[in-house]
Amino acid sequence: QPNLLGYLNKTQNSGNTLLDSLYQSQKASRALPSDSRKL
């Protein structure tokens, strides 16, 4: 079931692409590997 695509489309319709969001997320925190391990 491709529900993810619909969710990503909503995100992109807000003016930000997934790539932009990934960039902003990494820019906000350089400790992403540590955060991912906690997740």
PDB file of all heavy atoms in Angstrom:
ATOM      1  N   GLN A   1       0.837  -1.206   0.000  1.00  0.00           N
ATOM      2  CA  GLN A   1       0.000   0.000   0.000  1.00  0.00           C
ATOM      3  C   GLN A   1       0.868   1.250   0.000  1.00  0.00           C
ATOM      4  O   GLN A   1       1.683   1.448   0.890  1.00  0.00           O
ATOM      5  CB  GLN A   1      -0.901  -0.011   1.238  1.00  0.00           C
ATOM      6  CG  GLN A   1      -1.852   1.185   1.288  1.00  0.00           C
ATOM      7  CD  GLN A   1      -2.811   1.038   2.438  1.00  0.00           C
ATOM      8  OE1 GLN A   1      -3.175  -0.059   2.824  1.00  0.00           O
ATOM      9  NE2 GLN A   1      -3.217   2.149   2.997  1.00  0.00           N
ATOM     10  N   PRO A   2       0.697   2.153  -1.004  1.00  0.00           N
ATOM     11  CA  PRO A   2       1.598   3.306  -1.156  1.00  0.00           C
ATOM     12  C   PRO A   2       1.163   4.545  -0.379  1.00  0.00           C
ATOM     13  O   PRO A   2       1.147   5.639  -0.908  1.00  0.00           O
ATOM     14  CB  PRO A   2       1.551   3.551  -2.663  1.00  0.00           C
ATOM     15  CG  PRO A   2       0.146   3.203  -3.026  1.00  0.00           C
ATOM     16  CD  PRO A   2      -0.234   2.036  -2.123  1.00  0.00           C
ATOM     17  N   ASN A   3       0.778   4.396   0.895  1.00  0.00           N
ATOM     18  CA  ASN A   3       0.314   5.549   1.660  1.00  0.00           C
ATOM     19  C   ASN A   3       1.396   6.607   1.835  1.00  0.00           C
ATOM     20  O   ASN A   3       1.115   7.777   1.999  1.00  0.00           O
ATOM     21  CB  ASN A   3      -0.162   5.101   3.041  1.00  0.00           C
ATOM     22  CG  ASN A   3      -1.527   4.446   2.971  1.00  0.00           C
ATOM     23  OD1 ASN A   3      -2.155   4.467   1.937  1.00  0.00           O
ATOM     24  ND2 ASN A   3      -1.957   3.849   4.062  1.00  0.00           N
ATOM     25  N   LEU A   4       2.642   6.171   1.861  1.00  0.00           N
ATOM     26  CA  LEU A   4       3.740   7.099   2.086  1.00  0.00           C
ATOM     27  C   LEU A   4       3.782   8.189   1.033  1.00  0.00           C
ATOM     28  O   LEU A   4       4.032   9.355   1.345  1.00  0.00           O
ATOM     29  CB  LEU A   4       5.064   6.335   2.101  1.00  0.00           C
ATOM     30  CG  LEU A   4       6.334   7.181   2.170  1.00  0.00           C
ATOM     31  CD1 LEU A   4       6.337   8.034   3.422  1.00  0.00           C
ATOM     32  CD2 LEU A   4       7.557   6.285   2.129  1.00  0.00           C
ATOM     33  N   LEU A   5       3.516   7.837  -0.212  1.00  0.00           N
ATOM     34  CA  LEU A   5       3.588   8.818  -1.294  1.00  0.00           C
ATOM     35  C   LEU A   5       2.589   9.942  -1.083  1.00  0.00           C
ATOM     36  O   LEU A   5       2.887  11.103  -1.330  1.00  0.00           O
ATOM     37  CB  LEU A   5       3.348   8.126  -2.640  1.00  0.00           C
ATOM     38  CG  LEU A   5       4.392   7.072  -3.020  1.00  0.00           C
ATOM     39  CD1 LEU A   5       4.057   6.468  -4.382  1.00  0.00           C
ATOM     40  CD2 LEU A   5       5.785   7.659  -3.034  1.00  0.00           C
ATOM     41  N   GLY A   6       1.394   9.592  -0.609  1.00  0.00           N
ATOM     42  CA  GLY A   6       0.395  10.617  -0.348  1.00  0.00           C
ATOM     43  C   GLY A   6       0.841  11.564   0.744  1.00  0.00           C
ATOM     44  O   GLY A   6       0.650  12.769   0.665  1.00  0.00           O
ATOM     45  N   TYR A   7       1.462  11.017   1.765  1.00  0.00           N
ATOM     46  CA  TYR A   7       1.946  11.860   2.862  1.00  0.00           C
ATOM     47  C   TYR A   7       3.060  12.776   2.386  1.00  0.00           C
ATOM     48  O   TYR A   7       3.086  13.961   2.720  1.00  0.00           O
ATOM     49  CB  TYR A   7       2.445  10.981   4.007  1.00  0.00           C
ATOM     50  CG  TYR A   7       2.923  11.796   5.191  1.00  0.00           C
ATOM     51  CD1 TYR A   7       2.016  12.256   6.143  1.00  0.00           C
ATOM     52  CD2 TYR A   7       4.268  12.111   5.343  1.00  0.00           C
ATOM     53  CE1 TYR A   7       2.447  13.009   7.223  1.00  0.00           C
ATOM     54  CE2 TYR A   7       4.700  12.869   6.418  1.00  0.00           C
ATOM     55  CZ  TYR A   7       3.786  13.318   7.355  1.00  0.00           C
ATOM     56  OH  TYR A   7       4.216  14.071   8.416  1.00  0.00           O
ATOM     57  N   LEU A   8       3.962  12.244   1.597  1.00  0.00           N
ATOM     58  CA  LEU A   8       5.063  13.065   1.100  1.00  0.00           C
ATOM     59  C   LEU A   8       4.553  14.161   0.166  1.00  0.00           C
ATOM     60  O   LEU A   8       5.086  15.260   0.144  1.00  0.00           O
ATOM     61  CB  LEU A   8       6.094  12.194   0.379  1.00  0.00           C
ATOM     62  CG  LEU A   8       6.847  11.202   1.275  1.00  0.00           C
ATOM     63  CD1 LEU A   8       7.816  10.382   0.444  1.00  0.00           C
ATOM     64  CD2 LEU A   8       7.579  11.914   2.390  1.00  0.00           C
ATOM     65  N   ASN A   9       3.517  13.841  -0.609  1.00  0.00           N
ATOM     66  CA  ASN A   9       2.936  14.858  -1.490  1.00  0.00           C
ATOM     67  C   ASN A   9       2.377  16.019  -0.675  1.00  0.00           C
ATOM     68  O   ASN A   9       2.484  17.178  -1.060  1.00  0.00           O
ATOM     69  CB  ASN A   9       1.831  14.246  -2.353  1.00  0.00           C
ATOM     70  CG  ASN A   9       2.399  13.422  -3.486  1.00  0.00           C
ATOM     71  OD1 ASN A   9       3.542  13.631  -3.894  1.00  0.00           O
ATOM     72  ND2 ASN A   9       1.627  12.479  -3.977  1.00  0.00           N
ATOM     73  N   LYS A  10       1.745  15.702   0.468  1.00  0.00           N
ATOM     74  CA  LYS A  10       1.227  16.760   1.337  1.00  0.00           C
ATOM     75  C   LYS A  10       2.366  17.654   1.816  1.00  0.00           C
ATOM     76  O   LYS A  10       2.260  18.862   1.864  1.00  0.00           O
ATOM     77  CB  LYS A  10       0.519  16.146   2.553  1.00  0.00           C
ATOM     78  CG  LYS A  10      -0.815  15.506   2.252  1.00  0.00           C
ATOM     79  CD  LYS A  10      -1.436  14.976   3.542  1.00  0.00           C
ATOM     80  CE  LYS A  10      -2.749  14.281   3.270  1.00  0.00           C
ATOM     81  NZ  LYS A  10      -3.339  13.726   4.523  1.00  0.00           N
ATOM     82  N   THR A  11       3.465  17.018   2.182  1.00  0.00           N
ATOM     83  CA  THR A  11       4.629  17.770   2.647  1.00  0.00           C
ATOM     84  C   THR A  11       5.161  18.671   1.538  1.00  0.00           C
ATOM     85  O   THR A  11       5.475  19.831   1.746  1.00  0.00           O
ATOM     86  CB  THR A  11       5.736  16.804   3.104  1.00  0.00           C
ATOM     87  OG1 THR A  11       5.208  15.975   4.144  1.00  0.00           O
ATOM     88  CG2 THR A  11       6.934  17.566   3.636  1.00  0.00           C
ATOM     89  N   GLN A  12       5.239  18.131   0.340  1.00  0.00           N
ATOM     90  CA  GLN A  12       5.784  18.887  -0.770  1.00  0.00           C
ATOM     91  C   GLN A  12       4.855  20.015  -1.198  1.00  0.00           C
ATOM     92  O   GLN A  12       5.298  21.063  -1.635  1.00  0.00           O
ATOM     93  CB  GLN A  12       6.065  17.938  -1.936  1.00  0.00           C
ATOM     94  CG  GLN A  12       7.205  16.980  -1.616  1.00  0.00           C
ATOM     95  CD  GLN A  12       7.385  15.905  -2.663  1.00  0.00           C
ATOM     96  OE1 GLN A  12       6.596  15.802  -3.587  1.00  0.00           O
ATOM     97  NE2 GLN A  12       8.420  15.106  -2.517  1.00  0.00           N
ATOM     98  N   ASN A  13       3.550  19.819  -1.037  1.00  0.00           N
ATOM     99  CA  ASN A  13       2.592  20.862  -1.388  1.00  0.00           C
ATOM    100  C   ASN A  13       2.693  22.068  -0.467  1.00  0.00           C
ATOM    101  O   ASN A  13       2.200  23.138  -0.768  1.00  0.00           O
ATOM    102  CB  ASN A  13       1.160  20.310  -1.341  1.00  0.00           C
ATOM    103  CG  ASN A  13       0.889  19.374  -2.508  1.00  0.00           C
ATOM    104  OD1 ASN A  13       1.570  19.419  -3.527  1.00  0.00           O
ATOM    105  ND2 ASN A  13      -0.109  18.504  -2.358  1.00  0.00           N
ATOM    106  N   SER A  14       3.318  21.881   0.689  1.00  0.00           N
ATOM    107  CA  SER A  14       3.474  23.004   1.618  1.00  0.00           C
ATOM    108  C   SER A  14       4.587  23.944   1.177  1.00  0.00           C
ATOM    109  O   SER A  14       4.827  24.967   1.799  1.00  0.00           O
ATOM    110  CB  SER A  14       3.783  22.476   3.027  1.00  0.00           C
ATOM    111  OG  SER A  14       5.073  21.883   3.061  1.00  0.00           O
ATOM    112  N   GLY A  15       5.278  23.581   0.078  1.00  0.00           N
ATOM    113  CA  GLY A  15       6.331  24.434  -0.430  1.00  0.00           C
ATOM    114  C   GLY A  15       7.710  23.875  -0.217  1.00  0.00           C
ATOM    115  O   GLY A  15       8.692  24.414  -0.705  1.00  0.00           O
ATOM    116  N   ASN A  16       7.815  22.773   0.528  1.00  0.00           N
ATOM    117  CA  ASN A  16       9.109  22.148   0.794  1.00  0.00           C
ATOM    118  C   ASN A  16       9.161  20.764   0.181  1.00  0.00           C
ATOM    119  O   ASN A  16       8.228  19.992   0.320  1.00  0.00           O
ATOM    120  CB  ASN A  16       9.350  22.015   2.312  1.00  0.00           C
ATOM    121  CG  ASN A  16       9.448  23.364   2.981  1.00  0.00           C
ATOM    122  OD1 ASN A  16      10.060  24.277   2.455  1.00  0.00           O
ATOM    123  ND2 ASN A  16       8.838  23.481   4.148  1.00  0.00           N
ATOM    124  N   THR A  17      10.234  20.470  -0.501  1.00  0.00           N
ATOM    125  CA  THR A  17      10.418  19.122  -1.024  1.00  0.00           C
ATOM    126  C   THR A  17      10.987  18.251   0.077  1.00  0.00           C
ATOM    127  O   THR A  17      11.478  18.741   1.087  1.00  0.00           O
ATOM    128  CB  THR A  17      11.396  19.117  -2.213  1.00  0.00           C
ATOM    129  OG1 THR A  17      12.687  19.516  -1.734  1.00  0.00           O
ATOM    130  CG2 THR A  17      10.934  20.059  -3.305  1.00  0.00           C
ATOM    131  N   LEU A  18      10.910  16.943  -0.102  1.00  0.00           N
ATOM    132  CA  LEU A  18      11.498  16.038   0.869  1.00  0.00           C
ATOM    133  C   LEU A  18      12.989  16.304   1.008  1.00  0.00           C
ATOM    134  O   LEU A  18      13.545  16.273   2.098  1.00  0.00           O
ATOM    135  CB  LEU A  18      11.261  14.584   0.440  1.00  0.00           C
ATOM    136  CG  LEU A  18      11.884  13.497   1.334  1.00  0.00           C
ATOM    137  CD1 LEU A  18      11.383  13.618   2.760  1.00  0.00           C
ATOM    138  CD2 LEU A  18      11.583  12.118   0.775  1.00  0.00           C
ATOM    139  N   LEU A  19      13.651  16.606  -0.106  1.00  0.00           N
ATOM    140  CA  LEU A  19      15.076  16.905  -0.066  1.00  0.00           C
ATOM    141  C   LEU A  19      15.350  18.135   0.785  1.00  0.00           C
ATOM    142  O   LEU A  19      16.273  18.159   1.590  1.00  0.00           O
ATOM    143  CB  LEU A  19      15.594  17.122  -1.488  1.00  0.00           C
ATOM    144  CG  LEU A  19      17.103  17.378  -1.641  1.00  0.00           C
ATOM    145  CD1 LEU A  19      17.899  16.232  -1.036  1.00  0.00           C
ATOM    146  CD2 LEU A  19      17.457  17.556  -3.104  1.00  0.00           C
ATOM    147  N   ASP A  20      14.517  19.165   0.628  1.00  0.00           N
ATOM    148  CA  ASP A  20      14.666  20.371   1.451  1.00  0.00           C
ATOM    149  C   ASP A  20      14.507  20.039   2.925  1.00  0.00           C
ATOM    150  O   ASP A  20      15.255  20.527   3.776  1.00  0.00           O
ATOM    151  CB  ASP A  20      13.610  21.421   1.070  1.00  0.00           C
ATOM    152  CG  ASP A  20      13.865  22.019  -0.299  1.00  0.00           C
ATOM    153  OD1 ASP A  20      15.034  22.015  -0.738  1.00  0.00           O
ATOM    154  OD2 ASP A  20      12.894  22.469  -0.928  1.00  0.00           O
ATOM    155  N   SER A  21      13.511  19.208   3.229  1.00  0.00           N
ATOM    156  CA  SER A  21      13.249  18.860   4.622  1.00  0.00           C
ATOM    157  C   SER A  21      14.389  18.075   5.225  1.00  0.00           C
ATOM    158  O   SER A  21      14.756  18.279   6.381  1.00  0.00           O
ATOM    159  CB  SER A  21      11.950  18.048   4.724  1.00  0.00           C
ATOM    160  OG  SER A  21      10.855  18.810   4.278  1.00  0.00           O
ATOM    161  N   LEU A  22      14.965  17.155   4.445  1.00  0.00           N
ATOM    162  CA  LEU A  22      16.111  16.399   4.923  1.00  0.00           C
ATOM    163  C   LEU A  22      17.286  17.327   5.197  1.00  0.00           C
ATOM    164  O   LEU A  22      18.003  17.173   6.188  1.00  0.00           O
ATOM    165  CB  LEU A  22      16.515  15.338   3.892  1.00  0.00           C
ATOM    166  CG  LEU A  22      15.619  14.109   3.791  1.00  0.00           C
ATOM    167  CD1 LEU A  22      16.004  13.300   2.556  1.00  0.00           C
ATOM    168  CD2 LEU A  22      15.727  13.256   5.041  1.00  0.00           C
ATOM    169  N   TYR A  23      17.477  18.305   4.323  1.00  0.00           N
ATOM    170  CA  TYR A  23      18.576  19.257   4.501  1.00  0.00           C
ATOM    171  C   TYR A  23      18.379  20.075   5.766  1.00  0.00           C
ATOM    172  O   TYR A  23      19.297  20.242   6.570  1.00  0.00           O
ATOM    173  CB  TYR A  23      18.670  20.179   3.290  1.00  0.00           C
ATOM    174  CG  TYR A  23      19.711  21.260   3.465  1.00  0.00           C
ATOM    175  CD1 TYR A  23      21.074  20.976   3.290  1.00  0.00           C
ATOM    176  CD2 TYR A  23      19.341  22.552   3.812  1.00  0.00           C
ATOM    177  CE1 TYR A  23      22.024  21.962   3.480  1.00  0.00           C
ATOM    178  CE2 TYR A  23      20.290  23.536   3.998  1.00  0.00           C
ATOM    179  CZ  TYR A  23      21.635  23.242   3.824  1.00  0.00           C
ATOM    180  OH  TYR A  23      22.564  24.205   4.013  1.00  0.00           O
ATOM    181  N   GLN A  24      17.163  20.599   5.953  1.00  0.00           N
ATOM    182  CA  GLN A  24      16.887  21.417   7.129  1.00  0.00           C
ATOM    183  C   GLN A  24      17.018  20.603   8.406  1.00  0.00           C
ATOM    184  O   GLN A  24      17.492  21.097   9.428  1.00  0.00           O
ATOM    185  CB  GLN A  24      15.478  22.032   7.029  1.00  0.00           C
ATOM    186  CG  GLN A  24      15.332  23.056   5.922  1.00  0.00           C
ATOM    187  CD  GLN A  24      16.292  24.224   6.067  1.00  0.00           C
ATOM    188  OE1 GLN A  24      16.625  24.623   7.184  1.00  0.00           O
ATOM    189  NE2 GLN A  24      16.743  24.787   4.957  1.00  0.00           N
ATOM    190  N   SER A  25      16.584  19.334   8.346  1.00  0.00           N
ATOM    191  CA  SER A  25      16.698  18.463   9.510  1.00  0.00           C
ATOM    192  C   SER A  25      18.152  18.251   9.893  1.00  0.00           C
ATOM    193  O   SER A  25      18.535  18.340  11.056  1.00  0.00           O
ATOM    194  CB  SER A  25      16.024  17.114   9.220  1.00  0.00           C
ATOM    195  OG  SER A  25      16.200  16.225  10.284  1.00  0.00           O
ATOM    196  N   GLN A  26      19.003  17.966   8.909  1.00  0.00           N
ATOM    197  CA  GLN A  26      20.424  17.754   9.186  1.00  0.00           C
ATOM    198  C   GLN A  26      21.101  19.047   9.627  1.00  0.00           C
ATOM    199  O   GLN A  26      21.963  19.052  10.501  1.00  0.00           O
ATOM    200  CB  GLN A  26      21.114  17.193   7.944  1.00  0.00           C
ATOM    201  CG  GLN A  26      22.607  16.969   8.102  1.00  0.00           C
ATOM    202  CD  GLN A  26      22.923  15.915   9.148  1.00  0.00           C
ATOM    203  OE1 GLN A  26      22.031  15.180   9.546  1.00  0.00           O
ATOM    204  NE2 GLN A  26      24.165  15.843   9.569  1.00  0.00           N
ATOM    205  N   LYS A  27      20.685  20.167   9.018  1.00  0.00           N
ATOM    206  CA  LYS A  27      21.267  21.462   9.372  1.00  0.00           C
ATOM    207  C   LYS A  27      20.976  21.808  10.823  1.00  0.00           C
ATOM    208  O   LYS A  27      21.796  22.401  11.515  1.00  0.00           O
ATOM    209  CB  LYS A  27      20.688  22.535   8.447  1.00  0.00           C
ATOM    210  CG  LYS A  27      21.338  23.911   8.600  1.00  0.00           C
ATOM    211  CD  LYS A  27      20.742  24.868   7.588  1.00  0.00           C
ATOM    212  CE  LYS A  27      21.350  26.255   7.726  1.00  0.00           C
ATOM    213  NZ  LYS A  27      20.751  27.204   6.773  1.00  0.00           N
ATOM    214  N   ALA A  28      19.774  21.391  11.293  1.00  0.00           N
ATOM    215  CA  ALA A  28      19.367  21.708  12.659  1.00  0.00           C
ATOM    216  C   ALA A  28      20.144  20.905  13.691  1.00  0.00           C
ATOM    217  O   ALA A  28      20.315  21.325  14.824  1.00  0.00           O
ATOM    218  CB  ALA A  28      17.876  21.451  12.837  1.00  0.00           C
ATOM    219  N   SER A  29      20.608  19.719  13.313  1.00  0.00           N
ATOM    220  CA  SER A  29      21.333  18.888  14.270  1.00  0.00           C
ATOM    221  C   SER A  29      22.399  18.072  13.573  1.00  0.00           C
ATOM    222  O   SER A  29      22.102  17.297  12.686  1.00  0.00           O
ATOM    223  CB  SER A  29      20.355  17.956  14.996  1.00  0.00           C
ATOM    224  OG  SER A  29      21.058  17.038  15.805  1.00  0.00           O
ATOM    225  N   ARG A  30      23.651  18.202  14.023  1.00  0.00           N
ATOM    226  CA  ARG A  30      24.730  17.411  13.459  1.00  0.00           C
ATOM    227  C   ARG A  30      24.833  16.061  14.144  1.00  0.00           C
ATOM    228  O   ARG A  30      25.695  15.265  13.817  1.00  0.00           O
ATOM    229  CB  ARG A  30      26.060  18.165  13.612  1.00  0.00           C
ATOM    230  CG  ARG A  30      26.056  19.551  12.986  1.00  0.00           C
ATOM    231  CD  ARG A  30      25.761  19.527  11.514  1.00  0.00           C
ATOM    232  NE  ARG A  30      26.840  18.936  10.741  1.00  0.00           N
ATOM    233  CZ  ARG A  30      26.813  18.805   9.438  1.00  0.00           C
ATOM    234  NH1 ARG A  30      25.746  19.202   8.758  1.00  0.00           N
ATOM    235  NH2 ARG A  30      27.837  18.261   8.788  1.00  0.00           N
ATOM    236  N   ALA A  31      23.971  15.797  15.120  1.00  0.00           N
ATOM    237  CA  ALA A  31      24.021  14.537  15.865  1.00  0.00           C
ATOM    238  C   ALA A  31      22.989  13.547  15.347  1.00  0.00           C
ATOM    239  O   ALA A  31      22.460  12.752  16.091  1.00  0.00           O
ATOM    240  CB  ALA A  31      23.800  14.794  17.353  1.00  0.00           C
ATOM    241  N   LEU A  32      22.704  13.601  14.048  1.00  0.00           N
ATOM    242  CA  LEU A  32      21.667  12.749  13.481  1.00  0.00           C
ATOM    243  C   LEU A  32      21.919  11.262  13.676  1.00  0.00           C
ATOM    244  O   LEU A  32      21.007  10.521  14.005  1.00  0.00           O
ATOM    245  CB  LEU A  32      21.483  13.072  11.994  1.00  0.00           C
ATOM    246  CG  LEU A  32      20.366  12.330  11.261  1.00  0.00           C
ATOM    247  CD1 LEU A  32      19.037  12.564  11.949  1.00  0.00           C
ATOM    248  CD2 LEU A  32      20.284  12.783   9.811  1.00  0.00           C
ATOM    249  N   PRO A  33      23.160  10.760  13.501  1.00  0.00           N
ATOM    250  CA  PRO A  33      23.376   9.325  13.745  1.00  0.00           C
ATOM    251  C   PRO A  33      23.006   8.918  15.163  1.00  0.00           C
ATOM    252  O   PRO A  33      22.408   7.878  15.385  1.00  0.00           O
ATOM    253  CB  PRO A  33      24.874   9.153  13.473  1.00  0.00           C
ATOM    254  CG  PRO A  33      25.212  10.255  12.532  1.00  0.00           C
ATOM    255  CD  PRO A  33      24.371  11.412  12.981  1.00  0.00           C
ATOM    256  N   SER A  34      23.355   9.758  16.139  1.00  0.00           N
ATOM    257  CA  SER A  34      23.016   9.468  17.529  1.00  0.00           C
ATOM    258  C   SER A  34      21.509   9.474  17.720  1.00  0.00           C
ATOM    259  O   SER A  34      20.936   8.610  18.393  1.00  0.00           O
ATOM    260  CB  SER A  34      23.667  10.502  18.449  1.00  0.00           C
ATOM    261  OG  SER A  34      23.259  10.312  19.784  1.00  0.00           O
ATOM    262  N   ASP A  35      20.838  10.461  17.119  1.00  0.00           N
ATOM    263  CA  ASP A  35      19.387  10.533  17.208  1.00  0.00           C
ATOM    264  C   ASP A  35      18.741   9.302  16.586  1.00  0.00           C
ATOM    265  O   ASP A  35      17.760   8.768  17.110  1.00  0.00           O
ATOM    266  CB  ASP A  35      18.873  11.792  16.499  1.00  0.00           C
ATOM    267  CG  ASP A  35      19.290  13.070  17.213  1.00  0.00           C
ATOM    268  OD1 ASP A  35      19.610  12.991  18.411  1.00  0.00           O
ATOM    269  OD2 ASP A  35      19.300  14.124  16.561  1.00  0.00           O
ATOM    270  N   SER A  36      19.285   8.858  15.469  1.00  0.00           N
ATOM    271  CA  SER A  36      18.730   7.690  14.792  1.00  0.00           C
ATOM    272  C   SER A  36      18.903   6.427  15.621  1.00  0.00           C
ATOM    273  O   SER A  36      18.036   5.564  15.641  1.00  0.00           O
ATOM    274  CB  SER A  36      19.389   7.506  13.415  1.00  0.00           C
ATOM    275  OG  SER A  36      19.020   8.556  12.544  1.00  0.00           O
ATOM    276  N   ARG A  37      20.026   6.330  16.318  1.00  0.00           N
ATOM    277  CA  ARG A  37      20.235   5.167  17.184  1.00  0.00           C
ATOM    278  C   ARG A  37      19.234   5.165  18.341  1.00  0.00           C
ATOM    279  O   ARG A  37      18.731   4.111  18.735  1.00  0.00           O
ATOM    280  CB  ARG A  37      21.674   5.149  17.713  1.00  0.00           C
ATOM    281  CG  ARG A  37      22.691   4.690  16.675  1.00  0.00           C
ATOM    282  CD  ARG A  37      24.021   4.356  17.336  1.00  0.00           C
ATOM    283  NE  ARG A  37      24.639   5.516  17.938  1.00  0.00           N
ATOM    284  CZ  ARG A  37      25.489   6.320  17.301  1.00  0.00           C
ATOM    285  NH1 ARG A  37      25.799   6.095  16.034  1.00  0.00           N
ATOM    286  NH2 ARG A  37      26.023   7.352  17.918  1.00  0.00           N
ATOM    287  N   LYS A  38      18.936   6.340  18.880  1.00  0.00           N
ATOM    288  CA  LYS A  38      17.937   6.429  19.948  1.00  0.00           C
ATOM    289  C   LYS A  38      16.554   6.038  19.422  1.00  0.00           C
ATOM    290  O   LYS A  38      15.787   5.354  20.111  1.00  0.00           O
ATOM    291  CB  LYS A  38      17.891   7.849  20.507  1.00  0.00           C
ATOM    292  CG  LYS A  38      19.128   8.239  21.304  1.00  0.00           C
ATOM    293  CD  LYS A  38      19.041   9.686  21.769  1.00  0.00           C
ATOM    294  CE  LYS A  38      20.292  10.111  22.528  1.00  0.00           C
ATOM    295  NZ  LYS A  38      20.229  11.540  22.928  1.00  0.00           N
ATOM    296  N   LEU A  39      16.252   6.485  18.210  1.00  0.00           N
ATOM    297  CA  LEU A  39      14.973   6.137  17.604  1.00  0.00           C
ATOM    298  C   LEU A  39      14.883   4.629  17.379  1.00  0.00           C
ATOM    299  O   LEU A  39      13.854   4.010  17.660  1.00  0.00           O
ATOM    300  CB  LEU A  39      14.815   6.878  16.266  1.00  0.00           C
ATOM    301  CG  LEU A  39      13.561   6.558  15.448  1.00  0.00           C
ATOM    302  CD1 LEU A  39      12.299   6.909  16.231  1.00  0.00           C
ATOM    303  CD2 LEU A  39      13.585   7.319  14.119  1.00  0.00           C
TER     304      LEU A  39
END
